[in-house]
Structure formats: structure tokens, C-alpha cells
């Protein structure tokens, strides 16, 4: 079964899209872990501060 060059190129770009999307998703999740830990710590110490920070982020 022979795959044409056009199909190979299209397949490559589809593969590239999924690899790129997955990479950025993983980087985003890994980058958010320190923020989640920090917010959990602040919430444990002073829930009002955590609420104010969350409101500030949502308004920003």
C-alpha cells in the first residue's frame, strides 16, 4: 500500500499539531503547579487573602 506525498505531508502537519498542543498543555500544567501550591498555602493561612488574590487575578 503506497501513501502519496500529499497524504504524508498532511499527516505530518496533523501529527505536528497534536504534538505541539500536548507539549504546551504539559508546560502549562507544570507551570501552574507552583501557583496552585502557593494559593493552597495562602488559603490555609488566611482564606480572605486567597479570595482577594483570586478576585484580583479574575479582574486582571
Protein backbone atom coordinates (compact mmCIF):
# COMPACT_ATOMS: atom_id res chain seq x y z
CA UNK A 1 0.00 0.00 0.00
CA UNK A 2 1.62 3.23 -1.16
CA UNK A 3 1.00 6.51 0.64
CA UNK A 4 1.17 9.60 -1.53
CA UNK A 5 3.40 12.54 -0.71
CA UNK A 6 0.38 14.78 -0.14
CA UNK A 7 -1.06 12.39 2.42
CA UNK A 8 2.31 12.19 4.15
CA UNK A 9 2.58 15.98 4.34
CA UNK A 10 -0.98 16.34 5.66
CA UNK A 11 -0.37 13.55 8.16
CA UNK A 12 2.85 15.21 9.30
CA UNK A 13 1.09 18.52 9.98
CA UNK A 14 -1.73 16.78 11.86
CA UNK A 15 0.90 14.94 13.93
CA UNK A 16 2.80 18.20 14.48
CA UNK A 17 -0.38 19.94 15.68
CA UNK A 18 -1.12 17.26 18.27
CA UNK A 19 2.49 17.09 19.48
CA UNK A 20 2.60 20.89 19.83
CA UNK A 21 -0.77 21.07 21.61
CA UNK A 22 0.25 18.31 24.00
CA UNK A 23 3.61 19.94 24.72
CA UNK A 24 2.07 23.32 25.50
CA UNK A 25 -0.60 21.68 27.67
CA UNK A 26 2.04 19.85 29.70
CA UNK A 27 4.15 23.00 30.04
CA UNK A 28 1.10 24.97 31.19
CA UNK A 29 0.18 22.37 33.82
CA UNK A 30 3.77 22.11 35.07
CA UNK A 31 4.00 25.92 35.17
CA UNK A 32 0.78 26.20 37.18
CA UNK A 33 1.83 23.73 39.92
CA UNK A 34 3.82 26.34 41.94
CA UNK A 35 0.87 28.76 41.69
CA UNK A 36 -1.57 26.10 42.93
CA UNK A 37 0.73 25.21 45.83
CA UNK A 38 1.17 28.89 46.73
CA UNK A 39 -2.57 29.58 46.63
CA UNK A 40 -3.30 26.48 48.74
CA UNK A 41 -0.77 27.65 51.32
CA UNK A 42 -2.19 31.19 51.38
CA UNK A 43 -5.72 29.81 51.68
CA UNK A 44 -4.67 27.69 54.65
CA UNK A 45 -3.02 30.67 56.38
CA UNK A 46 -5.59 33.36 55.55
CA UNK A 47 -8.61 32.49 53.37
CA UNK A 48 -9.52 36.18 52.95
CA UNK A 49 -6.20 36.91 51.26
CA UNK A 50 -6.66 33.97 48.91
CA UNK A 51 -10.10 35.27 47.99
CA UNK A 52 -8.73 38.77 47.31
CA UNK A 53 -5.89 37.37 45.19
CA UNK A 54 -8.35 35.24 43.19
CA UNK A 55 -10.60 38.24 42.60
CA UNK A 56 -7.61 40.32 41.52
CA UNK A 57 -6.50 37.65 39.05
CA UNK A 58 -10.01 37.30 37.60
CA UNK A 59 -10.33 41.08 37.20
CA UNK A 60 -6.88 41.31 35.62
